[in-house]
């Protein structure tokens, strides 16, 4: 079978807001542009982004947290998230929401990061060796998208830029939720991911 060369490039395009100096809660129109090359042919797609400010309630998670190389992050999240879901299912623990990743550190200078696979549960849930943690209620800026995880880096870049435009500072951990993903045995085009950046309260 002939191999097919495929390259995908994601570019953040900020339209209007950077030049017009939009203020308040009004966000500039923003699109993600993808240029996909398959067998020498290029196809350009656009995806409009919609940011939403949400109030997150206090949440409780079963987690497995680790500090590791950024090169190993994707494999860690995939393997350990699957293991956590299987352990919860075997123990009869019913999750209260989708599989989640929590990111405490992401240092491109050192190539190291710290992250946790997480499953939302009730506060009293115990499932050793996993640890149950609580995250406080907080305001957050969210961005939801459909499609492959190839888009994640561009989406984080866009959300970080939007945080800066609104004058917000992110509070760790940042959050990725996977309402529809590999655990649902669907095509990548049907994946749905929500990224949340908790907003740090201003210092008085």
N, C-alpha and C. Protein backbone atom coordinates (compact mmCIF):
# COMPACT_ATOMS: atom_id res chain seq x y z
N UNK A 1 0.86 -1.19 0.00
CA UNK A 1 0.00 0.00 0.00
C UNK A 1 0.89 1.24 0.00
N UNK A 2 0.57 2.19 -0.88
CA UNK A 2 1.37 3.38 -1.01
C UNK A 2 1.20 4.29 0.20
N UNK A 3 2.30 4.74 0.75
CA UNK A 3 2.24 5.63 1.91
C UNK A 3 1.74 7.00 1.48
N UNK A 4 0.99 7.63 2.33
CA UNK A 4 0.45 8.96 2.06
C UNK A 4 1.11 9.95 3.00
N UNK A 5 1.73 10.99 2.44
CA UNK A 5 2.35 12.02 3.26
C UNK A 5 1.28 12.98 3.73
N UNK A 6 1.25 13.24 5.03
CA UNK A 6 0.22 14.13 5.58
C UNK A 6 0.86 15.07 6.58
N UNK A 7 0.67 16.36 6.37
CA UNK A 7 1.17 17.36 7.30
C UNK A 7 0.03 18.30 7.66
N UNK A 8 -0.03 18.68 8.92
CA UNK A 8 -1.06 19.62 9.36
C UNK A 8 -0.40 20.77 10.10
N UNK A 9 -0.74 22.00 9.72
CA UNK A 9 -0.21 23.18 10.37
C UNK A 9 -1.38 23.97 10.95
N UNK A 10 -1.26 24.35 12.22
CA UNK A 10 -2.31 25.16 12.87
C UNK A 10 -1.76 26.54 13.16
N UNK A 11 -2.50 27.55 12.73
CA UNK A 11 -2.06 28.93 12.89
C UNK A 11 -3.16 29.72 13.57
N UNK A 12 -2.80 30.50 14.59
CA UNK A 12 -3.79 31.35 15.24
C UNK A 12 -3.87 32.68 14.51
N UNK A 13 -5.05 33.05 14.10
CA UNK A 13 -5.26 34.32 13.40
C UNK A 13 -6.21 35.18 14.21
N UNK A 14 -5.73 36.31 14.69
CA UNK A 14 -6.56 37.23 15.46
C UNK A 14 -7.09 38.29 14.52
N UNK A 15 -8.40 38.33 14.38
CA UNK A 15 -9.01 39.22 13.40
C UNK A 15 -9.72 40.37 14.08
N UNK A 16 -9.30 41.57 13.78
CA UNK A 16 -10.05 42.75 14.22
C UNK A 16 -9.65 43.28 15.57
N UNK A 17 -9.66 42.47 16.61
CA UNK A 17 -9.50 42.94 17.98
C UNK A 17 -8.15 43.58 18.25
N UNK A 18 -7.09 43.03 17.66
CA UNK A 18 -5.77 43.56 17.95
C UNK A 18 -5.60 44.97 17.39
N UNK A 19 -6.29 45.27 16.29
CA UNK A 19 -6.16 46.57 15.67
C UNK A 19 -7.20 47.57 16.19
N UNK A 20 -8.38 47.05 16.52
CA UNK A 20 -9.45 47.95 16.94
C UNK A 20 -9.42 48.23 18.43
N UNK A 21 -8.61 47.45 19.20
CA UNK A 21 -8.49 47.69 20.63
C UNK A 21 -9.79 47.48 21.36
N UNK A 22 -10.40 46.30 21.18
CA UNK A 22 -11.69 46.05 21.80
C UNK A 22 -11.53 45.96 23.31
N UNK A 23 -12.58 46.39 24.02
CA UNK A 23 -12.50 46.46 25.48
C UNK A 23 -13.64 45.69 26.10
N UNK A 24 -13.60 45.58 27.46
CA UNK A 24 -14.68 44.92 28.18
C UNK A 24 -14.70 43.44 27.90
N UNK A 25 -15.93 42.85 27.94
CA UNK A 25 -16.08 41.42 27.73
C UNK A 25 -16.13 41.05 26.26
N UNK A 26 -16.14 42.06 25.39
CA UNK A 26 -16.22 41.79 23.96
C UNK A 26 -14.88 41.27 23.47
N UNK A 27 -14.85 40.01 22.97
CA UNK A 27 -13.61 39.42 22.49
C UNK A 27 -13.48 39.65 21.00
N UNK A 28 -12.23 39.77 20.48
CA UNK A 28 -12.07 39.89 19.05
C UNK A 28 -12.48 38.59 18.37
N UNK A 29 -12.95 38.73 17.13
CA UNK A 29 -13.24 37.52 16.37
C UNK A 29 -11.92 36.80 16.15
N UNK A 30 -11.94 35.51 16.36
CA UNK A 30 -10.69 34.76 16.26
C UNK A 30 -10.95 33.44 15.55
N UNK A 31 -10.02 33.05 14.73
CA UNK A 31 -10.15 31.79 14.02
C UNK A 31 -8.85 31.01 14.11
N UNK A 32 -9.00 29.70 14.07
CA UNK A 32 -7.84 28.83 13.92
C UNK A 32 -7.81 28.42 12.45
N UNK A 33 -6.68 28.60 11.82
CA UNK A 33 -6.53 28.20 10.43
C UNK A 33 -5.70 26.93 10.37
N UNK A 34 -6.18 25.94 9.65
CA UNK A 34 -5.39 24.73 9.45
C UNK A 34 -5.06 24.58 7.98
N UNK A 35 -3.80 24.31 7.71
CA UNK A 35 -3.37 24.02 6.35
C UNK A 35 -2.94 22.57 6.33
N UNK A 36 -3.71 21.73 5.66
CA UNK A 36 -3.46 20.30 5.66
C UNK A 36 -2.92 19.87 4.30
N UNK A 37 -1.79 19.18 4.32
CA UNK A 37 -1.17 18.71 3.08
C UNK A 37 -1.25 17.19 3.03
N UNK A 38 -1.91 16.67 2.02
CA UNK A 38 -2.05 15.23 1.83
C UNK A 38 -1.68 14.88 0.40
N UNK A 39 -0.61 14.11 0.22
CA UNK A 39 -0.21 13.71 -1.12
C UNK A 39 0.09 14.87 -2.02
N UNK A 40 0.66 15.96 -1.46
CA UNK A 40 1.04 17.10 -2.29
C UNK A 40 -0.05 18.14 -2.48
N UNK A 41 -1.27 17.85 -2.03
CA UNK A 41 -2.37 18.80 -2.16
C UNK A 41 -2.66 19.47 -0.82
N UNK A 42 -2.88 20.77 -0.86
CA UNK A 42 -3.15 21.52 0.37
C UNK A 42 -4.63 21.88 0.48
N UNK A 43 -5.14 21.80 1.71
CA UNK A 43 -6.51 22.20 1.98
C UNK A 43 -6.51 23.07 3.23
N UNK A 44 -7.13 24.23 3.12
CA UNK A 44 -7.18 25.17 4.24
C UNK A 44 -8.56 25.16 4.87
N UNK A 45 -8.60 25.01 6.20
CA UNK A 45 -9.86 25.02 6.94
C UNK A 45 -9.79 26.10 8.02
N UNK A 46 -10.93 26.61 8.40
CA UNK A 46 -10.99 27.58 9.49
C UNK A 46 -11.96 27.10 10.56
N UNK A 47 -11.68 27.49 11.79
CA UNK A 47 -12.53 27.12 12.92
C UNK A 47 -12.66 28.34 13.82
N UNK A 48 -13.86 28.89 13.94
CA UNK A 48 -14.06 30.06 14.80
C UNK A 48 -14.06 29.64 16.26
N UNK A 49 -13.42 30.44 17.09
CA UNK A 49 -13.29 30.13 18.51
C UNK A 49 -14.30 30.94 19.32
N UNK A 50 -14.87 30.30 20.32
CA UNK A 50 -15.82 30.97 21.21
C UNK A 50 -15.36 30.78 22.65
N UNK A 51 -14.95 31.87 23.29
CA UNK A 51 -14.51 31.81 24.67
C UNK A 51 -15.70 32.05 25.59
N UNK A 52 -15.68 31.40 26.75
CA UNK A 52 -16.78 31.55 27.69
C UNK A 52 -16.22 31.65 29.11
N UNK A 53 -16.69 32.65 29.83
CA UNK A 53 -16.33 32.75 31.25
C UNK A 53 -17.34 31.92 32.04
N UNK A 54 -16.83 31.02 32.86
CA UNK A 54 -17.70 30.11 33.63
C UNK A 54 -17.31 30.17 35.09
N UNK A 55 -18.25 29.78 35.94
CA UNK A 55 -17.98 29.66 37.37
C UNK A 55 -17.91 28.18 37.70
N UNK A 56 -16.74 27.71 38.06
CA UNK A 56 -16.57 26.30 38.40
C UNK A 56 -16.88 26.09 39.88
N UNK A 57 -17.70 25.10 40.21
CA UNK A 57 -17.96 24.80 41.62
C UNK A 57 -16.75 24.08 42.23
N UNK A 58 -16.79 23.87 43.53
CA UNK A 58 -15.77 23.03 44.15
C UNK A 58 -15.85 21.64 43.52
N UNK A 59 -14.69 21.10 43.20
CA UNK A 59 -14.66 19.79 42.53
C UNK A 59 -13.71 18.84 43.25
N UNK A 60 -13.98 17.55 43.11
CA UNK A 60 -13.16 16.51 43.73
C UNK A 60 -12.76 15.50 42.65
N UNK A 61 -11.50 15.11 42.69
CA UNK A 61 -10.97 14.22 41.66
C UNK A 61 -10.15 13.08 42.27
N UNK A 62 -10.23 11.91 41.67
CA UNK A 62 -9.22 10.88 41.85
C UNK A 62 -8.09 11.21 40.89
N UNK A 63 -6.85 11.24 41.37
CA UNK A 63 -5.75 11.66 40.50
C UNK A 63 -4.54 10.75 40.65
N UNK A 64 -3.75 10.74 39.59
CA UNK A 64 -2.39 10.21 39.64
C UNK A 64 -1.52 11.29 39.01
N UNK A 65 -0.63 11.88 39.82
CA UNK A 65 0.15 13.05 39.41
C UNK A 65 1.62 12.67 39.29
N UNK A 66 2.29 13.27 38.28
CA UNK A 66 3.70 12.94 38.07
C UNK A 66 4.42 14.11 37.40
N UNK A 67 5.69 14.27 37.75
CA UNK A 67 6.57 15.22 37.08
C UNK A 67 7.38 14.44 36.07
N UNK A 68 7.44 14.90 34.81
CA UNK A 68 8.09 14.13 33.76
C UNK A 68 8.48 15.01 32.60
N UNK A 69 9.19 14.42 31.62
CA UNK A 69 9.59 15.12 30.41
C UNK A 69 8.36 15.44 29.57
N UNK A 70 8.38 16.61 28.93
CA UNK A 70 7.27 16.96 28.05
C UNK A 70 7.15 15.98 26.88
N UNK A 71 8.26 15.37 26.51
CA UNK A 71 8.24 14.39 25.42
C UNK A 71 7.43 13.15 25.79
N UNK A 72 7.35 12.88 27.10
CA UNK A 72 6.62 11.69 27.57
C UNK A 72 5.19 12.01 28.00
N UNK A 73 4.81 13.28 27.91
CA UNK A 73 3.53 13.70 28.47
C UNK A 73 2.34 13.03 27.77
N UNK A 74 2.34 13.01 26.45
CA UNK A 74 1.20 12.46 25.71
C UNK A 74 0.97 10.99 26.07
N UNK A 75 2.07 10.21 26.10
CA UNK A 75 1.94 8.80 26.44
C UNK A 75 1.48 8.60 27.87
N UNK A 76 2.02 9.41 28.79
CA UNK A 76 1.62 9.33 30.20
C UNK A 76 0.12 9.57 30.35
N UNK A 77 -0.38 10.63 29.74
CA UNK A 77 -1.79 10.97 29.88
C UNK A 77 -2.69 9.89 29.29
N UNK A 78 -2.32 9.37 28.13
CA UNK A 78 -3.14 8.35 27.49
C UNK A 78 -3.17 7.06 28.30
N UNK A 79 -2.00 6.57 28.72
CA UNK A 79 -1.92 5.30 29.43
C UNK A 79 -2.54 5.39 30.82
N UNK A 80 -2.17 6.43 31.56
CA UNK A 80 -2.63 6.51 32.95
C UNK A 80 -4.11 6.89 33.04
N UNK A 81 -4.61 7.65 32.10
CA UNK A 81 -6.05 7.96 32.10
C UNK A 81 -6.86 6.70 31.85
N UNK A 82 -6.41 5.87 30.92
CA UNK A 82 -7.09 4.60 30.66
C UNK A 82 -7.04 3.70 31.89
N UNK A 83 -5.87 3.64 32.55
CA UNK A 83 -5.73 2.81 33.75
C UNK A 83 -6.64 3.30 34.87
N UNK A 84 -6.75 4.62 35.03
CA UNK A 84 -7.61 5.18 36.07
C UNK A 84 -9.08 4.85 35.80
N UNK A 85 -9.51 4.99 34.56
CA UNK A 85 -10.91 4.69 34.24
C UNK A 85 -11.21 3.21 34.48
N UNK A 86 -10.27 2.34 34.11
CA UNK A 86 -10.47 0.91 34.30
C UNK A 86 -10.54 0.57 35.79
N UNK A 87 -9.66 1.18 36.60
CA UNK A 87 -9.66 0.92 38.04
C UNK A 87 -10.97 1.38 38.67
N UNK A 88 -11.45 2.55 38.25
CA UNK A 88 -12.70 3.07 38.79
C UNK A 88 -13.87 2.17 38.40
N UNK A 89 -13.87 1.72 37.17
CA UNK A 89 -14.96 0.84 36.70
C UNK A 89 -14.95 -0.47 37.48
N UNK A 90 -13.76 -1.03 37.69
CA UNK A 90 -13.66 -2.30 38.41
C UNK A 90 -14.10 -2.17 39.86
N UNK A 91 -13.90 -0.98 40.44
CA UNK A 91 -14.26 -0.76 41.85
C UNK A 91 -15.69 -0.25 42.00
N UNK A 92 -16.38 -0.08 40.89
CA UNK A 92 -17.75 0.42 40.97
C UNK A 92 -17.86 1.89 41.28
N UNK A 93 -16.80 2.65 40.99
CA UNK A 93 -16.82 4.11 41.22
C UNK A 93 -17.41 4.79 40.00
N UNK A 94 -18.50 5.51 40.20
CA UNK A 94 -19.17 6.20 39.10
C UNK A 94 -18.61 7.63 38.97
N UNK A 95 -17.95 7.96 37.86
CA UNK A 95 -17.43 9.32 37.69
C UNK A 95 -18.56 10.33 37.56
N UNK A 96 -18.30 11.55 38.01
CA UNK A 96 -19.30 12.61 37.96
C UNK A 96 -19.12 13.50 36.73
N UNK A 97 -18.16 13.17 35.90
CA UNK A 97 -17.89 13.97 34.70
C UNK A 97 -16.89 13.26 33.82
N UNK A 98 -16.41 13.95 32.78
CA UNK A 98 -15.52 13.31 31.80
C UNK A 98 -14.10 13.12 32.33
N UNK A 99 -13.32 12.24 31.69
CA UNK A 99 -11.90 12.14 32.00
C UNK A 99 -11.25 13.52 31.86
N UNK A 100 -10.27 13.77 32.72
CA UNK A 100 -9.70 15.11 32.83
C UNK A 100 -8.18 15.02 33.00
N UNK A 101 -7.48 16.04 32.53
CA UNK A 101 -6.06 16.20 32.83
C UNK A 101 -5.87 17.53 33.54
N UNK A 102 -5.00 17.53 34.56
CA UNK A 102 -4.67 18.74 35.30
C UNK A 102 -3.19 19.04 35.08
N UNK A 103 -2.88 20.29 34.75
CA UNK A 103 -1.50 20.67 34.44
C UNK A 103 -1.00 21.69 35.46
N UNK A 104 0.03 21.28 36.22
CA UNK A 104 0.57 22.12 37.29
C UNK A 104 1.82 22.87 36.84
N UNK A 105 2.52 22.33 35.87
CA UNK A 105 3.74 22.99 35.39
C UNK A 105 3.98 22.56 33.95
N UNK A 106 4.41 23.54 33.11
CA UNK A 106 4.73 23.24 31.71
C UNK A 106 5.87 24.16 31.33
N UNK A 107 7.10 23.66 31.43
CA UNK A 107 8.30 24.48 31.25
C UNK A 107 9.03 24.06 29.98
N UNK A 108 8.86 24.86 28.92
CA UNK A 108 9.49 24.52 27.64
C UNK A 108 11.00 24.76 27.68
N UNK A 109 11.48 25.59 28.61
CA UNK A 109 12.91 25.84 28.72
C UNK A 109 13.64 24.60 29.23
N UNK A 110 13.07 23.95 30.23
CA UNK A 110 13.70 22.75 30.79
C UNK A 110 13.18 21.47 30.14
N UNK A 111 12.07 21.58 29.42
CA UNK A 111 11.48 20.39 28.79
C UNK A 111 10.79 19.49 29.80
N UNK A 112 10.40 20.05 30.95
CA UNK A 112 9.76 19.26 31.99
C UNK A 112 8.38 19.82 32.29
N UNK A 113 7.51 18.94 32.78
CA UNK A 113 6.18 19.36 33.18
C UNK A 113 5.68 18.52 34.33
N UNK A 114 4.59 18.96 34.92
CA UNK A 114 3.95 18.20 35.99
C UNK A 114 2.46 18.17 35.71
N UNK A 115 1.90 16.97 35.64
CA UNK A 115 0.49 16.83 35.28
C UNK A 115 -0.12 15.66 36.03
N UNK A 116 -1.44 15.62 36.01
CA UNK A 116 -2.18 14.53 36.66
C UNK A 116 -3.32 14.09 35.76
N UNK A 117 -3.52 12.78 35.68
CA UNK A 117 -4.76 12.28 35.10
C UNK A 117 -5.79 12.32 36.22
N UNK A 118 -7.03 12.64 35.88
CA UNK A 118 -8.02 12.87 36.93
C UNK A 118 -9.40 12.40 36.48
N UNK A 119 -10.19 12.02 37.47
CA UNK A 119 -11.57 11.60 37.23
C UNK A 119 -12.43 12.25 38.30
N UNK A 120 -13.43 13.07 37.91
CA UNK A 120 -14.27 13.74 38.91
C UNK A 120 -15.16 12.75 39.67
N UNK A 121 -15.12 12.85 40.99
CA UNK A 121 -15.85 11.90 41.86
C UNK A 121 -16.41 12.66 43.06
N UNK A 122 -17.11 11.95 43.93
CA UNK A 122 -17.58 12.56 45.17
C UNK A 122 -16.41 12.73 46.14
N UNK A 123 -16.57 13.65 47.10
CA UNK A 123 -15.48 14.00 48.02
C UNK A 123 -15.01 12.82 48.85
N UNK A 124 -15.91 11.89 49.17
CA UNK A 124 -15.56 10.77 50.06
C UNK A 124 -14.98 9.57 49.33
N UNK A 125 -14.85 9.66 47.99
CA UNK A 125 -14.35 8.52 47.21
C UNK A 125 -12.90 8.20 47.57
N UNK A 126 -12.63 6.91 47.75
CA UNK A 126 -11.26 6.45 47.99
C UNK A 126 -10.99 5.27 47.06
N UNK A 127 -9.83 5.31 46.40
CA UNK A 127 -9.45 4.23 45.50
C UNK A 127 -7.93 4.16 45.42
N UNK A 128 -7.28 3.63 46.49
CA UNK A 128 -5.82 3.51 46.49
C UNK A 128 -5.35 2.69 45.28
N UNK A 129 -4.20 3.05 44.69
CA UNK A 129 -3.23 4.06 45.15
C UNK A 129 -3.53 5.47 44.67
N UNK A 130 -4.69 5.68 44.03
CA UNK A 130 -5.04 7.04 43.59
C UNK A 130 -5.39 7.90 44.80
N UNK A 131 -5.16 9.20 44.63
CA UNK A 131 -5.41 10.17 45.70
C UNK A 131 -6.63 11.00 45.34
N UNK A 132 -7.46 11.30 46.32
CA UNK A 132 -8.60 12.18 46.09
C UNK A 132 -8.24 13.59 46.50
N UNK A 133 -8.36 14.53 45.56
CA UNK A 133 -8.04 15.94 45.84
C UNK A 133 -9.29 16.80 45.64
N UNK A 134 -9.24 17.99 46.17
CA UNK A 134 -10.33 18.96 46.00
C UNK A 134 -9.77 20.23 45.38
N UNK A 135 -10.50 20.79 44.43
CA UNK A 135 -10.15 22.08 43.85
C UNK A 135 -11.26 23.06 44.21
N UNK A 136 -10.90 24.26 44.65
CA UNK A 136 -11.91 25.22 45.11
C UNK A 136 -12.74 25.79 43.96
N UNK A 137 -13.90 26.31 44.33
CA UNK A 137 -14.73 27.02 43.36
C UNK A 137 -13.94 28.21 42.82
N UNK A 138 -14.07 28.46 41.53
CA UNK A 138 -13.31 29.56 40.93
C UNK A 138 -13.93 29.95 39.60
N UNK A 139 -13.65 31.16 39.19
CA UNK A 139 -14.02 31.62 37.87
C UNK A 139 -12.96 31.14 36.89
N UNK A 140 -13.38 30.81 35.65
CA UNK A 140 -12.43 30.31 34.66
C UNK A 140 -12.83 30.78 33.27
N UNK A 141 -11.86 30.83 32.39
CA UNK A 141 -12.11 31.10 30.98
C UNK A 141 -11.97 29.78 30.24
N UNK A 142 -12.98 29.44 29.43
CA UNK A 142 -12.98 28.13 28.78
C UNK A 142 -13.02 28.27 27.26
N UNK A 143 -12.52 27.23 26.61
CA UNK A 143 -12.55 27.14 25.15
C UNK A 143 -12.81 25.68 24.80
N UNK A 144 -13.87 25.43 24.07
CA UNK A 144 -14.23 24.06 23.68
C UNK A 144 -14.07 23.91 22.17
N UNK A 145 -13.56 22.76 21.75
CA UNK A 145 -13.40 22.53 20.32
C UNK A 145 -13.66 21.07 19.99
N UNK A 146 -13.92 20.82 18.72
CA UNK A 146 -14.14 19.46 18.23
C UNK A 146 -12.99 19.08 17.31
N UNK A 147 -12.65 17.79 17.32
CA UNK A 147 -11.62 17.32 16.40
C UNK A 147 -10.40 16.75 17.10
N UNK A 148 -9.40 16.48 16.31
CA UNK A 148 -8.18 15.80 16.75
C UNK A 148 -7.42 16.58 17.81
N UNK A 149 -6.65 15.83 18.62
CA UNK A 149 -5.78 16.46 19.62
C UNK A 149 -4.61 17.20 18.97
N UNK A 150 -4.44 17.08 17.65
CA UNK A 150 -3.44 17.88 16.95
C UNK A 150 -3.67 19.37 17.17
N UNK A 151 -4.91 19.73 17.52
CA UNK A 151 -5.27 21.14 17.68
C UNK A 151 -4.94 21.68 19.07
N UNK A 152 -4.56 20.82 20.00
CA UNK A 152 -4.45 21.25 21.40
C UNK A 152 -3.46 22.40 21.61
N UNK A 153 -2.28 22.31 21.02
CA UNK A 153 -1.27 23.36 21.24
C UNK A 153 -1.78 24.71 20.76
N UNK A 154 -2.40 24.74 19.57
CA UNK A 154 -2.92 25.99 19.04
C UNK A 154 -4.04 26.53 19.91
N UNK A 155 -4.87 25.64 20.44
CA UNK A 155 -5.98 26.08 21.29
C UNK A 155 -5.46 26.66 22.61
N UNK A 156 -4.43 26.04 23.17
CA UNK A 156 -3.84 26.60 24.39
C UNK A 156 -3.22 27.97 24.11
N UNK A 157 -2.56 28.09 22.99
CA UNK A 157 -1.96 29.37 22.61
C UNK A 157 -3.04 30.44 22.51
N UNK A 158 -4.16 30.09 21.86
CA UNK A 158 -5.26 31.05 21.67
C UNK A 158 -5.89 31.43 23.01
N UNK A 159 -6.09 30.44 23.88
CA UNK A 159 -6.73 30.72 25.17
C UNK A 159 -5.81 31.58 26.04
N UNK A 160 -4.52 31.30 26.00
CA UNK A 160 -3.56 32.10 26.77
C UNK A 160 -3.57 33.55 26.27
N UNK A 161 -3.63 33.72 24.96
CA UNK A 161 -3.66 35.06 24.39
C UNK A 161 -4.94 35.79 24.80
N UNK A 162 -6.06 35.08 24.85
CA UNK A 162 -7.32 35.70 25.25
C UNK A 162 -7.29 36.09 26.73
N UNK A 163 -6.66 35.26 27.57
CA UNK A 163 -6.50 35.61 28.98
C UNK A 163 -5.74 36.93 29.11
N UNK A 164 -4.68 37.08 28.34
CA UNK A 164 -3.88 38.30 28.40
C UNK A 164 -4.67 39.50 27.91
N UNK A 165 -5.46 39.32 26.86
CA UNK A 165 -6.27 40.43 26.34
C UNK A 165 -7.27 40.93 27.37
N UNK A 166 -7.78 40.00 28.18
CA UNK A 166 -8.77 40.38 29.19
C UNK A 166 -8.13 40.82 30.51
N UNK A 167 -6.79 40.78 30.56
CA UNK A 167 -6.10 41.21 31.76
C UNK A 167 -6.15 40.20 32.89
N UNK A 168 -6.32 38.90 32.56
CA UNK A 168 -6.42 37.85 33.57
C UNK A 168 -5.08 37.14 33.72
N UNK A 169 -4.87 36.61 34.91
CA UNK A 169 -3.72 35.72 35.15
C UNK A 169 -4.26 34.33 35.48
N UNK A 170 -3.65 33.32 34.87
CA UNK A 170 -4.10 31.94 35.08
C UNK A 170 -3.63 31.41 36.42
N UNK A 171 -4.44 30.58 37.01
CA UNK A 171 -4.13 29.92 38.28
C UNK A 171 -4.00 28.42 38.03
N UNK A 172 -2.94 27.84 38.50
CA UNK A 172 -2.72 26.41 38.31
C UNK A 172 -3.60 25.59 39.26
N UNK A 173 -4.04 24.39 38.82
CA UNK A 173 -3.72 23.78 37.54
C UNK A 173 -4.67 24.22 36.44
N UNK A 174 -4.14 24.26 35.21
CA UNK A 174 -5.02 24.41 34.06
C UNK A 174 -5.66 23.04 33.80
N UNK A 175 -6.77 23.04 33.08
CA UNK A 175 -7.61 21.84 33.00
C UNK A 175 -7.95 21.51 31.55
N UNK A 176 -7.85 20.25 31.22
CA UNK A 176 -8.41 19.74 29.96
C UNK A 176 -9.44 18.67 30.30
N UNK A 177 -10.64 18.83 29.75
CA UNK A 177 -11.70 17.82 29.92
C UNK A 177 -11.98 17.20 28.56
N UNK A 178 -12.30 15.90 28.58
CA UNK A 178 -12.50 15.17 27.33
C UNK A 178 -13.90 14.53 27.31
N UNK A 179 -14.95 15.34 27.05
CA UNK A 179 -16.32 14.80 27.03
C UNK A 179 -16.50 13.67 26.02
N UNK A 180 -15.82 13.79 24.88
CA UNK A 180 -15.82 12.72 23.88
C UNK A 180 -14.38 12.52 23.43
N UNK A 181 -13.90 11.29 23.53
CA UNK A 181 -12.51 11.03 23.17
C UNK A 181 -12.27 9.58 22.86
N UNK A 182 -11.02 9.14 22.94
CA UNK A 182 -10.69 7.75 22.62
C UNK A 182 -11.49 6.74 23.43
N UNK A 183 -11.87 7.12 24.65
CA UNK A 183 -12.64 6.21 25.50
C UNK A 183 -14.01 5.90 24.92
N UNK A 184 -14.45 6.70 23.94
CA UNK A 184 -15.77 6.50 23.35
C UNK A 184 -15.73 5.75 22.03
N UNK A 185 -14.52 5.34 21.60
CA UNK A 185 -14.35 4.56 20.37
C UNK A 185 -14.99 5.25 19.17
N UNK A 186 -14.68 6.54 19.00
CA UNK A 186 -15.19 7.30 17.86
C UNK A 186 -14.01 7.82 17.04
N UNK A 187 -14.30 8.31 15.84
CA UNK A 187 -13.27 8.89 14.99
C UNK A 187 -12.76 10.19 15.62
N UNK A 188 -11.50 10.55 15.31
CA UNK A 188 -10.90 11.75 15.87
C UNK A 188 -11.72 13.00 15.57
N UNK A 189 -12.35 13.03 14.42
CA UNK A 189 -13.14 14.20 14.03
C UNK A 189 -14.30 14.44 14.99
N UNK A 190 -14.69 13.40 15.74
CA UNK A 190 -15.82 13.50 16.67
C UNK A 190 -15.37 13.79 18.11
N UNK A 191 -14.07 13.86 18.36
CA UNK A 191 -13.58 14.19 19.70
C UNK A 191 -14.09 15.58 20.10
N UNK A 192 -14.38 15.76 21.38
CA UNK A 192 -14.70 17.08 21.93
C UNK A 192 -13.83 17.31 23.17
N UNK A 193 -13.20 18.45 23.22
CA UNK A 193 -12.29 18.80 24.31
C UNK A 193 -12.62 20.18 24.83
N UNK A 194 -12.59 20.34 26.15
CA UNK A 194 -12.77 21.66 26.76
C UNK A 194 -11.53 22.00 27.57
N UNK A 195 -10.94 23.16 27.30
CA UNK A 195 -9.79 23.66 28.05
C UNK A 195 -10.28 24.76 28.98
N UNK A 196 -9.84 24.70 30.23
CA UNK A 196 -10.23 25.71 31.22
C UNK A 196 -9.00 26.29 31.89
N UNK A 197 -8.92 27.61 31.92
CA UNK A 197 -7.88 28.30 32.67
C UNK A 197 -8.54 29.00 33.87
N UNK A 198 -8.39 28.46 35.07
CA UNK A 198 -8.91 29.16 36.25
C UNK A 198 -8.27 30.55 36.35
N UNK A 199 -9.07 31.52 36.73
CA UNK A 199 -8.62 32.91 36.79
C UNK A 199 -8.17 33.25 38.20
N UNK A 200 -6.95 33.73 38.30
CA UNK A 200 -6.39 34.09 39.60
C UNK A 200 -7.07 35.36 40.11
N UNK A 201 -7.52 35.32 41.36
CA UNK A 201 -8.16 36.48 41.95
C UNK A 201 -7.16 37.62 42.06
N UNK A 202 -7.57 38.85 41.76
CA UNK A 202 -6.64 39.99 41.87
C UNK A 202 -6.19 40.21 43.30
N UNK A 203 -4.95 40.65 43.45
CA UNK A 203 -4.40 40.94 44.78
C UNK A 203 -4.92 42.29 45.23
N UNK A 204 -5.53 42.33 46.40
CA UNK A 204 -6.10 43.59 46.91
C UNK A 204 -5.06 44.37 47.70
